[in-house]
Protein backbone atom coordinates (compact mmCIF):
# COMPACT_ATOMS: atom_id res chain seq x y z
CA MET A 1 -40.52 -36.52 22.97
CA ASP A 2 -37.29 -38.78 23.94
CA CYS A 3 -34.29 -39.15 21.79
CA TRP A 4 -34.96 -42.59 20.49
CA THR A 5 -38.51 -41.60 19.13
CA VAL A 6 -36.49 -38.54 17.02
CA LEU A 7 -33.75 -40.90 16.33
CA GLN A 8 -36.40 -43.75 15.30
CA LEU A 9 -34.23 -46.11 17.38
CA ALA A 10 -34.65 -48.75 19.75
CA ASP A 11 -33.65 -48.11 23.55
CA ASP A 12 -31.32 -50.65 23.01
CA ALA A 13 -29.14 -49.06 19.63
CA ASP A 14 -25.73 -49.16 19.89
CA GLU A 15 -22.96 -46.63 19.08
CA ARG A 16 -22.35 -47.28 15.52
CA THR A 17 -26.02 -47.61 14.72
CA ILE A 18 -26.76 -44.12 16.39
CA LYS A 19 -24.24 -42.45 14.67
CA ARG A 20 -25.09 -44.18 11.00
CA THR A 21 -28.78 -42.91 11.32
CA TYR A 22 -27.63 -39.50 12.99
CA ALA A 23 -26.17 -38.65 9.38
CA ARG A 24 -28.94 -40.81 7.17
CA LEU A 25 -31.04 -38.31 9.53
CA LEU A 26 -28.31 -34.73 8.97
CA LYS A 27 -28.93 -34.79 5.53
CA GLY A 28 -32.84 -34.00 5.56
CA CYS A 29 -32.02 -31.65 8.22
CA ARG A 30 -29.35 -28.91 7.36
CA PRO A 31 -28.85 -25.89 10.01
CA ASP A 32 -28.97 -23.54 6.96
CA ASP A 33 -32.71 -24.69 6.12
CA ASP A 34 -34.42 -26.15 9.44
CA PRO A 35 -32.14 -24.58 12.57
CA GLU A 36 -34.54 -25.77 15.35
CA GLY A 37 -34.63 -29.26 14.17
CA PHE A 38 -31.02 -29.55 13.44
CA GLN A 39 -30.16 -28.68 17.20
CA ARG A 40 -33.09 -30.76 18.26
CA LEU A 41 -31.61 -33.76 16.10
CA ARG A 42 -28.19 -32.85 17.88
CA GLU A 43 -29.55 -33.44 21.11
CA ALA A 44 -31.18 -36.01 20.66
CA TYR A 45 -27.91 -37.82 19.23
CA GLU A 46 -25.70 -36.50 22.60
CA GLU A 47 -28.40 -38.36 24.57
CA ALA A 48 -28.44 -41.45 22.96
CA LEU A 49 -24.31 -41.74 22.86
CA ASN A 50 -24.41 -40.90 26.47
CA GLU A 51 -26.84 -43.43 26.90
CA ALA A 52 -25.48 -45.93 24.84
CA ARG A 53 -21.60 -45.16 26.46
CA TRP A 54 -22.57 -45.54 29.48
CA ARG A 55 -24.89 -48.81 29.07
CA THR A 56 -21.44 -50.58 27.36
CA ASP A 57 -19.45 -49.19 30.06
CA ASP A 58 -22.09 -50.64 32.96
CA GLU A 59 -21.73 -54.95 31.04
CA ALA A 60 -18.14 -54.12 31.35
CA GLU A 61 -17.73 -53.51 34.71
CA GLU A 62 -19.81 -56.58 35.51
CA THR A 63 -18.22 -58.91 32.57
CA VAL A 64 -15.25 -57.89 35.25
CA HIS A 65 -16.52 -58.57 38.61
CA ALA A 66 -18.37 -61.72 37.31
CA PRO A 67 -17.43 -64.79 40.35
CA ILE A 68 -15.68 -67.67 38.84
CA ALA A 69 -17.04 -70.65 39.48
CA GLU A 70 -15.08 -73.77 40.72
CA PRO A 71 -14.80 -76.68 38.39
CA ALA A 72 -16.55 -79.31 40.08
CA TYR A 73 -14.98 -82.88 39.23
CA ALA A 74 -17.65 -85.39 39.07
CA ASN A 75 -14.86 -88.24 39.83
CA LEU A 76 -11.53 -88.96 39.68
CA ASN A 77 -11.83 -90.07 36.12
CA ASP A 78 -12.16 -86.93 35.18
CA LEU A 79 -9.44 -85.41 37.31
CA ALA A 80 -7.32 -87.77 35.22
CA GLU A 81 -8.64 -86.52 31.74
CA LEU A 82 -7.51 -83.02 33.12
CA MET A 83 -4.23 -83.85 34.26
CA ASP A 84 -3.33 -85.62 30.85
CA VAL A 85 -0.34 -84.07 29.32
CA ARG A 86 0.20 -85.93 25.86
CA PRO A 87 1.33 -83.46 23.47
CA LEU A 88 -1.53 -82.11 21.45
CA SER A 89 -1.88 -81.53 18.27
CA PRO A 90 -2.71 -78.73 16.92
CA ALA A 91 -6.39 -77.00 15.03
CA PRO A 92 -5.95 -76.08 11.74
CA PHE A 93 -6.06 -72.15 11.43
CA ASP A 94 -8.30 -70.37 8.87
CA ALA A 95 -6.76 -67.51 7.67
CA PRO A 96 -9.13 -64.79 7.61
CA ALA A 97 -10.63 -63.33 4.51
CA PRO A 98 -9.27 -60.10 3.58
CA SER A 99 -11.62 -57.09 3.78
CA PRO A 100 -13.07 -55.75 0.45
CA ALA A 101 -12.19 -51.98 1.93
CA GLN A 102 -8.12 -52.89 2.14
CA ALA A 103 -8.64 -54.16 -1.52
CA LEU A 104 -9.71 -51.64 -2.97
CA LEU A 105 -7.26 -49.32 -0.87
CA ALA A 106 -4.33 -51.05 -2.55
CA GLY A 107 -2.88 -49.36 -5.36
CA LEU A 108 -4.98 -46.35 -4.42
CA ASN A 109 -4.41 -42.74 -6.03
CA VAL A 110 -5.74 -39.24 -7.13
CA HIS A 111 -6.39 -40.70 -11.03
CA ASN A 112 -8.75 -43.67 -9.50
CA LEU A 113 -10.49 -42.40 -6.56
CA ASP A 114 -14.06 -42.29 -8.51
CA GLU A 115 -13.81 -46.04 -9.62
CA ARG A 116 -12.35 -47.17 -6.21
CA TRP A 117 -15.52 -45.30 -4.61
CA ALA A 118 -18.24 -46.13 -7.17
CA HIS A 119 -16.61 -49.83 -6.42
CA ALA A 120 -17.19 -49.89 -2.16
CA GLN A 121 -20.39 -48.28 -2.46
CA LEU A 122 -21.45 -51.66 -4.60
CA GLN A 123 -19.81 -54.18 -2.20
CA GLY A 124 -21.47 -52.00 0.71
CA CYS A 125 -17.90 -51.50 2.53
CA ALA A 126 -18.34 -47.45 2.07
CA ASP A 127 -17.66 -46.73 5.75
CA ALA A 128 -14.39 -49.06 5.92
CA PHE A 129 -13.26 -47.09 2.39
CA GLN A 130 -13.04 -44.22 4.23
CA ASP A 131 -11.96 -44.37 7.22
CA GLY A 132 -8.79 -46.17 5.37
CA LEU A 133 -9.16 -43.27 2.99
CA LEU A 134 -8.51 -40.58 5.78
CA ARG A 135 -5.34 -42.75 7.09
CA HIS A 136 -3.62 -42.84 3.61
CA CYS A 137 -4.01 -39.09 3.66
CA PHE A 138 -1.55 -39.30 6.44
CA ASP A 139 0.77 -42.09 5.52
CA ALA A 140 0.90 -40.57 1.58
CA PRO A 141 0.99 -36.36 2.35
CA GLY A 142 2.17 -36.02 -0.92
CA GLU A 143 -1.37 -37.10 -2.27
CA ARG A 144 -3.23 -35.13 0.81
CA SER A 145 -4.08 -32.05 -0.77
CA ALA A 146 -5.11 -34.14 -4.10
CA ILE A 147 -7.39 -37.01 -1.97
CA ALA A 148 -8.68 -34.17 0.11
CA ARG A 149 -9.71 -31.85 -2.40
CA TRP A 150 -11.54 -35.10 -3.76
CA ALA A 151 -13.16 -36.03 -0.73
CA VAL A 152 -14.73 -32.11 0.18
CA GLN A 153 -16.68 -32.89 -3.09
CA HIS A 154 -17.59 -36.18 -2.89
CA LEU A 155 -17.77 -37.11 0.87
CA GLU A 156 -18.43 -34.08 2.20
CA TRP A 157 -15.37 -34.53 4.43
CA LEU A 158 -14.81 -31.18 7.34
CA THR A 159 -18.75 -30.83 6.99
CA PRO A 160 -21.37 -31.81 9.65
CA TRP A 161 -22.25 -33.93 7.63
CA GLN A 162 -19.20 -36.18 6.85
CA GLN A 163 -19.40 -39.78 7.66
CA VAL A 164 -16.02 -40.45 8.31
CA SER A 165 -14.87 -39.83 12.06
CA MET A 166 -12.02 -37.71 12.21
CA THR A 167 -10.01 -36.04 15.59
CA PRO A 168 -9.48 -32.58 16.00
CA TRP A 169 -5.98 -32.78 14.59
CA GLN A 170 -6.75 -34.72 11.58
CA HIS A 171 -9.57 -31.94 10.72
CA GLU A 172 -7.64 -28.76 11.48
CA ALA A 173 -4.39 -30.89 9.65
CA LEU A 174 -6.74 -31.42 6.52
CA SER A 175 -8.79 -28.11 6.66
CA ALA A 176 -5.56 -26.10 6.91
CA GLU A 177 -4.03 -27.56 3.75
CA LEU A 178 -6.55 -27.38 1.48
CA LEU A 179 -6.82 -23.64 2.56
CA GLN A 180 -3.04 -23.10 1.65
CA ASP A 181 -3.81 -24.98 -1.80
CA TYR A 182 -6.68 -22.14 -2.31
CA ARG A 183 -4.06 -19.41 -1.56
CA LEU A 184 -1.27 -20.67 -4.28
CA THR A 185 -3.74 -20.91 -6.62
CA LEU A 186 -5.32 -17.95 -6.55
CA GLN A 187 -2.35 -16.20 -6.21
CA GLU A 188 -0.79 -17.56 -9.04
CA LEU A 189 -4.07 -16.09 -11.16
CA LEU A 190 -2.86 -13.12 -9.43
CA GLU A 191 0.71 -13.11 -10.79
CA GLN A 192 -0.64 -14.35 -14.16
CA LYS A 193 -3.13 -11.09 -14.29
CA ALA A 194 -5.38 -13.54 -15.10
CA GLU A 195 -8.20 -11.80 -12.99
CA ARG A 196 -11.73 -13.31 -14.92
CA GLU A 197 -10.26 -16.40 -14.09
CA PHE A 198 -9.43 -15.52 -10.38
CA ILE A 199 -12.82 -14.45 -9.41
CA THR A 200 -14.04 -17.75 -11.35
CA GLN A 201 -11.92 -20.10 -8.82
CA LEU A 202 -12.71 -17.82 -6.40
CA THR A 203 -16.60 -18.50 -6.63
CA GLN A 204 -15.88 -22.06 -7.19
CA TYR A 205 -13.99 -22.34 -4.30
CA ASN A 206 -16.69 -20.38 -1.91
CA THR A 207 -19.28 -22.67 -3.14
CA GLN A 208 -18.19 -25.76 -1.88
CA PRO A 209 -20.19 -26.95 1.15
CA TRP A 210 -17.40 -27.56 3.74
CA LEU A 211 -16.42 -23.43 3.28
CA ARG A 212 -19.38 -22.80 4.44
CA VAL A 213 -19.32 -24.00 7.55
CA PHE A 214 -18.83 -20.53 10.05
CA ASP A 215 -15.32 -21.24 11.31
CA LEU A 216 -13.84 -22.23 8.22
CA GLN A 217 -15.57 -19.58 6.58
CA GLN A 218 -14.12 -16.95 9.06
CA GLN A 219 -10.51 -18.20 8.16
CA TRP A 220 -10.91 -18.47 4.60
CA GLN A 221 -11.90 -14.78 4.48
CA ARG A 222 -8.69 -14.12 6.49
CA ILE A 223 -6.49 -15.77 3.66
CA VAL A 224 -8.48 -14.17 1.05
CA LEU A 225 -7.76 -10.75 2.51
CA GLN A 226 -3.99 -11.34 3.33
CA LEU A 227 -4.14 -12.35 0.13
CA LEU A 228 -5.15 -9.42 -1.47
CA TYR A 229 -2.41 -7.08 0.89
CA ASP A 230 0.23 -8.78 -0.26
CA THR A 231 -0.50 -9.01 -4.09
CA GLN A 232 -1.41 -5.98 -6.85
CA TRP A 233 -4.67 -6.04 -8.77
CA SER A 234 -7.42 -3.90 -10.15
CA VAL A 235 -10.38 -1.82 -8.70
CA PRO A 236 -12.76 -4.06 -10.45
CA LEU A 237 -10.96 -7.19 -8.80
CA PHE A 238 -11.33 -5.63 -5.39
CA GLU A 239 -15.52 -5.13 -6.44
CA ARG A 240 -16.19 -8.44 -7.27
CA VAL A 241 -14.36 -10.33 -4.85
CA CYS A 242 -16.53 -7.94 -1.99
CA GLN A 243 -19.52 -8.92 -3.73
CA ALA A 244 -18.71 -12.80 -3.46
CA PHE A 245 -17.84 -12.04 0.27
CA GLY A 246 -20.92 -9.95 0.95
CA TRP A 247 -17.86 -7.08 2.47
CA ASP A 248 -19.82 -3.73 2.41
CA ASP A 249 -17.77 -0.97 4.38
CA GLN A 250 -20.92 1.44 4.51
CA LYS A 251 -23.15 -1.49 6.22
CA GLY A 252 -19.98 -2.11 8.68
CA VAL A 253 -19.46 -6.24 7.00
CA PHE A 254 -15.82 -6.32 6.45
CA PRO A 255 -13.27 -9.35 7.24
CA GLU A 256 -11.09 -9.15 10.27
CA PRO A 257 -8.41 -7.63 11.18
CA ALA A 258 -9.85 -4.24 10.24
CA TRP A 259 -6.56 -2.48 9.88
CA MET A 260 -5.87 -4.58 6.75
CA TRP A 261 -9.67 -4.25 5.31
CA ARG A 262 -8.85 -0.20 5.67
CA GLN A 263 -5.52 -0.22 3.72
CA LEU A 264 -7.56 -2.84 1.61
CA VAL A 265 -10.06 -0.27 0.49
CA SER A 266 -7.36 2.91 1.16
CA ARG A 267 -5.72 1.61 -1.25
CA CYS A 268 -8.95 1.21 -3.70
CA GLU A 269 -9.86 4.68 -3.50
CA GLN A 270 -6.20 5.41 -4.81
CA GLU A 271 -6.30 2.88 -7.91
CA SER A 272 -9.81 4.71 -8.71
CA PHE A 273 -8.11 7.76 -8.41
CA PHE A 274 -5.05 7.18 -10.77
CA ALA A 275 -7.78 5.45 -13.31
CA ASN A 276 -9.37 8.35 -13.47
CA LEU A 277 -6.47 10.57 -13.64
CA GLN A 278 -5.26 8.22 -16.48
CA GLU A 279 -8.95 8.20 -17.92
CA LYS A 280 -8.08 12.12 -18.17
CA ALA A 281 -4.38 12.29 -19.71
CA GLN A 282 -5.08 9.85 -21.90
CA ASP A 283 -8.21 11.51 -23.62
CA PRO A 284 -6.98 14.29 -26.19
CA ARG A 285 -10.49 15.48 -25.99
CA ARG A 286 -10.66 16.82 -22.45
CA THR A 287 -9.47 20.18 -21.84
CA SER A 288 -10.28 21.06 -18.66
CA PRO A 289 -7.52 22.48 -16.44
CA ASP A 290 -7.67 19.22 -14.14
CA ALA A 291 -7.47 16.87 -17.69
CA LEU A 292 -4.28 19.16 -18.69
CA ALA A 293 -2.87 19.03 -15.12
CA ALA A 294 -2.99 15.21 -15.60
CA ARG A 295 -1.44 15.13 -19.04
CA LEU A 296 1.46 17.35 -17.65
CA LEU A 297 2.31 15.34 -15.04
CA LEU A 298 1.41 11.47 -15.79
CA THR A 299 2.20 11.39 -19.52
CA PRO A 300 6.00 11.43 -20.01
CA MET A 301 7.57 13.96 -22.19
CA SER A 302 10.67 16.30 -23.21
CA ALA A 303 11.16 20.05 -21.57
CA THR A 304 9.86 20.74 -25.25
CA GLN A 305 6.96 19.51 -25.08
CA HIS A 306 6.25 20.33 -21.96
CA LYS A 307 6.75 24.21 -22.38
CA ARG A 308 4.42 23.82 -25.95
CA ILE A 309 1.16 22.16 -23.52
CA ILE A 310 2.45 24.75 -20.75
CA ASP A 311 2.20 27.81 -23.35
CA GLN A 312 -1.60 27.58 -22.87
CA PHE A 313 -1.87 27.10 -19.21
CA GLY A 314 -3.79 30.21 -17.40
CA GLU A 315 -4.33 30.45 -13.28
CA ASN A 316 -6.71 27.97 -13.18
CA GLU A 317 -4.57 25.40 -15.00
CA TRP A 318 -1.77 26.19 -12.46
CA ASN A 319 -3.93 25.99 -9.45
CA ALA A 320 -5.13 22.71 -11.24
CA CYS A 321 -1.56 21.26 -10.92
CA GLN A 322 -1.23 22.69 -7.10
CA HIS A 323 -3.83 20.51 -5.94
CA LEU A 324 -2.95 17.57 -8.28
CA ALA A 325 0.78 17.25 -7.05
CA GLU A 326 -0.39 18.17 -3.63
CA THR A 327 -2.85 15.87 -3.31
CA LEU A 328 -0.67 12.63 -5.13
CA THR A 329 2.24 14.23 -2.31
CA TRP A 330 0.28 13.84 0.93
CA ARG A 331 -2.78 11.72 0.18
CA TYR A 332 -1.12 9.05 -2.29
CA PRO A 333 2.28 9.25 -1.79
CA GLN A 334 2.28 5.42 -3.23
CA LEU A 335 1.46 6.86 -6.56
CA ALA A 336 4.54 9.54 -6.84
CA GLU A 337 6.14 6.19 -7.85
CA ARG A 338 4.10 5.83 -10.95
CA VAL A 339 4.59 9.67 -12.04
CA PRO A 340 7.54 9.94 -14.98
CA GLN A 341 9.06 12.74 -13.02
CA ASP A 342 10.85 12.28 -9.73
CA ASP A 343 9.41 15.80 -8.94
CA LEU A 344 5.88 16.40 -8.58
CA PHE A 345 6.12 20.24 -9.02
CA PHE A 346 9.10 20.28 -11.30
CA TRP A 347 6.24 22.22 -13.87
CA ARG A 348 6.65 25.00 -11.19
CA ARG A 349 9.80 25.98 -13.79
CA PHE A 350 7.71 26.97 -16.31
CA VAL A 351 5.33 28.89 -14.68
CA PRO A 352 5.21 32.83 -15.52
CA ARG A 353 7.72 34.82 -13.26
CA PRO A 354 6.42 38.50 -13.12
CA ILE A 355 8.59 41.67 -11.95
CA TYR A 356 6.93 42.99 -9.11
CA THR A 357 7.80 46.53 -7.52
CA GLN A 358 9.73 44.28 -4.65
CA VAL A 359 12.51 44.25 -7.34
CA PHE A 360 12.35 48.03 -7.86
CA ILE A 361 12.56 48.55 -4.23
CA ARG A 362 16.11 46.72 -4.32
CA LEU A 363 17.10 48.68 -7.54
CA TRP A 364 16.83 52.02 -5.97
CA ALA A 365 18.70 50.49 -2.82
CA VAL A 366 21.41 49.92 -5.17
CA PHE A 367 21.65 52.41 -6.52
CA ALA A 368 20.77 54.95 -3.89
CA LEU A 369 23.59 53.30 -1.94
CA GLY A 370 26.52 53.33 -4.72
CA LEU A 371 25.27 56.64 -5.76
CA GLY A 372 25.53 58.19 -1.67
CA LEU A 373 29.10 56.67 -1.54
CA SER A 374 30.34 57.24 -4.91
CA ILE A 375 29.15 61.37 -3.88
CA ALA A 376 30.76 61.26 -0.63
CA HIS A 377 34.32 60.37 -1.99
CA ASP A 378 33.78 62.93 -4.45
CA LYS A 379 32.23 65.98 -3.43
CA PRO A 380 32.25 65.25 0.71
CA ASP A 381 32.03 68.82 1.54
CA ARG A 382 28.55 69.22 0.18
CA MET A 383 26.90 65.79 2.17
CA ASP A 384 24.32 67.89 3.66
CA LEU A 385 20.48 66.46 4.29
CA MET A 386 19.60 68.29 1.55
CA SER A 387 22.29 66.49 -1.35
CA ILE A 388 21.53 63.13 0.68
CA VAL A 389 17.89 63.59 -0.31
CA ILE A 390 18.43 64.90 -3.91
CA PHE A 391 20.77 61.64 -4.47
CA MET A 392 18.05 59.63 -3.14
CA MET A 393 15.70 61.13 -5.56
CA MET A 394 18.23 60.75 -8.44
CA ALA A 395 18.44 56.76 -7.73
CA PHE A 396 14.98 56.41 -8.96
CA VAL A 397 16.05 57.68 -12.64
CA PRO A 398 18.16 54.02 -12.86
CA ALA A 399 16.05 51.74 -10.57
CA GLY A 400 13.25 53.25 -13.08
CA ILE A 401 14.62 52.18 -16.06
CA GLY A 402 16.41 49.06 -14.60
CA PHE A 403 12.82 48.00 -13.39
CA ARG A 404 11.45 48.59 -17.13
CA VAL A 405 14.29 46.49 -19.10
CA THR A 406 14.05 43.53 -16.21
CA GLN A 407 10.63 43.49 -17.49
CA LEU A 408 11.00 43.70 -20.67
CA TRP A 409 14.00 40.54 -20.21
CA ALA A 410 11.65 38.51 -18.41
CA GLY A 411 9.29 38.06 -21.40
CA MET A 412 12.39 37.82 -24.08
CA SER A 413 14.06 34.84 -21.78
CA SER A 414 10.88 33.23 -21.32
CA THR A 415 10.79 32.26 -25.58
CA PHE A 416 13.99 29.93 -24.70
CA LYS A 417 13.19 28.92 -21.33
CA VAL A 418 14.12 25.24 -22.48
CA PRO A 419 17.70 25.72 -23.01
CA ASP A 420 17.47 27.83 -20.00
CA LEU A 421 16.76 24.96 -17.78
CA TRP A 422 19.20 22.44 -20.29
CA LEU A 423 21.75 24.74 -19.20
CA THR A 424 20.94 25.29 -15.39
CA GLU A 425 20.92 21.49 -14.51
CA ARG A 426 24.41 21.16 -15.89
CA LEU A 427 25.93 24.22 -14.45
CA VAL A 428 24.30 25.14 -11.39
CA PRO A 429 24.41 22.26 -9.08
CA LYS A 430 21.27 20.58 -7.43
CA ARG A 431 22.02 21.09 -3.50
CA PHE A 432 21.89 25.03 -4.45
CA ASN A 433 18.93 25.12 -7.02
CA PRO A 434 16.74 22.02 -6.02
CA ASN A 435 13.78 23.04 -7.85
CA SER A 436 15.47 24.54 -10.76
CA TYR A 437 14.25 28.94 -9.60
CA TRP A 438 17.31 30.17 -10.39
CA LEU A 439 18.18 29.76 -14.05
CA VAL A 440 21.67 30.42 -15.89
CA ILE A 441 19.87 33.20 -18.56
CA ARG A 442 16.95 34.51 -17.11
CA HIS A 443 19.17 35.62 -13.67
CA GLY A 444 22.61 35.35 -14.59
CA VAL A 445 22.24 38.10 -17.13
CA PRO A 446 20.66 41.33 -15.45
CA GLN A 447 23.12 39.50 -11.85
CA ALA A 448 25.92 40.53 -14.40
CA VAL A 449 24.68 44.09 -15.40
CA MET A 450 24.14 44.46 -11.86
CA LEU A 451 27.40 43.98 -11.08
CA VAL A 452 28.86 46.02 -13.42
CA ALA A 453 26.62 48.94 -12.30
CA CYS A 454 28.22 48.18 -8.99
CA GLY A 455 31.70 48.30 -10.31
CA LEU A 456 31.00 51.42 -11.98
CA MET A 457 29.72 53.11 -8.97
CA LEU A 458 32.23 52.14 -6.48
CA GLY A 459 34.66 49.87 -8.36
CA VAL A 460 35.90 46.42 -7.02
CA LEU A 461 34.87 46.68 -3.33
CA GLY A 462 31.11 47.22 -5.02
CA MET A 463 31.16 44.56 -7.10
CA VAL A 464 32.62 41.97 -4.25
CA THR A 465 29.87 43.52 -1.86
CA TYR A 466 26.78 42.91 -4.09
CA ALA A 467 27.84 39.63 -5.21
CA GLY A 468 28.57 38.85 -1.89
CA MET A 469 24.57 39.93 -0.79
CA VAL A 470 23.54 37.61 -3.62
CA LEU A 471 25.47 34.78 -2.65
CA PHE A 472 24.69 34.75 1.01
CA ASN A 473 20.71 35.28 -0.61
CA LEU A 474 21.17 32.21 -2.39
CA LEU A 475 23.32 29.85 0.17
CA HIS A 476 21.98 31.03 3.22
CA LYS A 477 18.53 29.86 4.50
CA LYS A 478 17.69 31.11 7.40
CA ARG A 479 16.26 34.67 7.91
CA ILE A 480 16.62 37.31 10.30
CA GLY A 481 11.97 37.15 11.26
CA HIS A 482 8.93 36.67 9.60
CA ILE A 483 6.86 39.29 7.69
CA SER A 484 3.04 38.99 8.61
CA GLN A 485 0.70 38.72 6.03
CA ALA A 486 -1.04 41.59 6.55
CA PHE A 487 1.86 43.91 6.56
CA SER A 488 2.63 42.29 2.85
CA HIS A 489 -0.21 43.10 1.26
CA GLY A 490 -0.60 46.50 3.27
CA TYR A 491 2.88 48.04 2.59
CA PRO A 492 3.95 45.78 -0.88
CA TRP A 493 6.55 48.52 -1.69
CA LEU A 494 8.33 48.10 1.50
CA ASN A 495 8.61 44.36 1.05
CA GLY A 496 11.52 44.61 -0.91
CA LEU A 497 13.75 45.99 2.13
CA HIS A 498 12.11 44.35 4.81
CA TRP A 499 14.59 42.98 7.57
CA ALA A 500 12.54 38.97 7.75
CA PHE A 501 13.83 38.95 4.11
CA TRP A 502 17.35 39.16 5.34
CA SER A 503 20.15 36.68 6.14
CA PRO A 504 21.54 37.66 9.51
CA LEU A 505 25.06 36.90 7.65
CA GLN A 506 23.79 39.58 5.14
CA VAL A 507 23.55 42.13 7.65
CA VAL A 508 27.03 41.77 8.93
CA PHE A 509 28.57 41.52 4.98
CA LEU A 510 26.94 44.49 4.04
CA VAL A 511 28.02 46.68 7.42
CA VAL A 512 31.15 45.55 6.81
CA MET A 513 32.15 45.88 3.37
CA VAL A 514 30.42 49.37 3.78
CA SER A 515 33.06 50.45 5.91
CA ALA A 516 35.73 48.44 4.26
CA ILE A 517 34.68 51.17 0.93
CA VAL A 518 34.61 54.22 3.30
CA ALA A 519 37.83 53.19 4.50
CA ALA A 520 39.49 52.94 1.21
CA GLN A 521 37.88 55.88 -0.08
CA HIS A 522 39.13 57.63 2.87
CA TYR A 523 42.68 56.51 3.36
CA LEU A 524 43.84 55.00 -0.02
CA PRO A 525 42.14 57.23 -2.81
CA ALA A 526 44.88 56.57 -4.90
CA VAL A 527 44.27 53.17 -5.04
CA PRO A 528 41.34 51.99 -7.44
CA TRP A 529 39.20 49.83 -5.06
CA THR A 530 36.30 51.67 -4.77
CA HIS A 531 36.69 53.34 -8.73
CA LEU A 532 37.28 52.07 -12.21
CA THR A 533 39.88 53.64 -14.11
CA LEU A 534 38.78 53.83 -17.70
CA PRO A 535 41.28 53.44 -20.26
CA ARG A 536 41.97 56.64 -22.13
């Protein structure tokens, strides 16, 4: 079947007739409904156009090369008539009648487009009106967007079925301006938090015929993807947008670029996670560890309110707090800005701190060293191996008493932990105590008692030694080594004095101060540096 039969035209049809017939037949042969028929019609259309243009070019070439006949002059009278140079009177000039389309385009604006188009159809100048309307779009840039909006809805512009001839540049300019206009409209709706209106408007845009063309549809999807990437929205809105475009990450159907899509999916998961946390935190009927942890981290509270909730916590609740804080820190760091507390691990300040056996070991070491140096000063002649063993055994008694008192003090101090935290935040610089682990009352009182005990045993130098060891432990973070987990669990009694917990400066300072104490006891016994002189 030749092209003229498919187009239902005579084989001498001109180019304009071919185009109009193709546009008429195309309305009944859409590519979505009949791809094979559309392909056959398109091939016939292109073949007919080529033949018509070839025929037109051939006729023009014959006209140019046709020989010019020499005039034949019958007689001299004819020659004289031709040589008559008398002035001629110009023939009367009749002005061409105005085009109906030009009259309809005069005074055109966005408000009378429907009326002018109806008149153009009645007067049979629809094609000329569309050509003029296209020129008007680029002659009046301020009205281009509104006219293009109207034309894509009523005249099928930017689709394969449009009847107006556009250059590629005109097609690209109109489509780009319309897409940008659509994007601004959707962006304003998102900024106003009008998500329902956003979905309605997006659905309306997607149903327009020109946005169903493959290339334009891909470009439109990339614009919407970029808009979602640049703005804030809720999870239901993102799900509705995915439904509108048929995006499905599990099926591998998503727009480009892929990295931006991954970012949006990750943000959607993040928003879903945070919405679930908020639901748990705001429901007082939920008492599970996860719900209590969410309520503690997401609800703005005072320190007193924090302690009131935390007093009910057990091991499961503390583990839930630890898991939630780590998840927000490492997996969803953007959500940390929405949490009332700057420090996600602030709750650690309220965690009960039991007194472990390591404290007993350290107390024994302090008392053993103090008693040993004190006995060596008072009775140097009795310092044999048996005496050293005896005073080391004697050190267990004050160490045990101090350990028990420390345990009782830990329970007592927890009752006023809130004022203790308030006092610590105002007296201790943050750089020395970033997590508020050390508390003024809870830790300050026992340390003061131990300072007095060292003073009673070894005087001023003993107090300086103890205070210096504590300060080096707090301020110098470097440690000599690392203790293995197996050794820590296998020998818990040795953890208190293991070298892995010591700063190198502590070792040097302890050696220097013990040497100073021994020297003062030996060479300056009258000076009360190593013993306190109690008033009588």
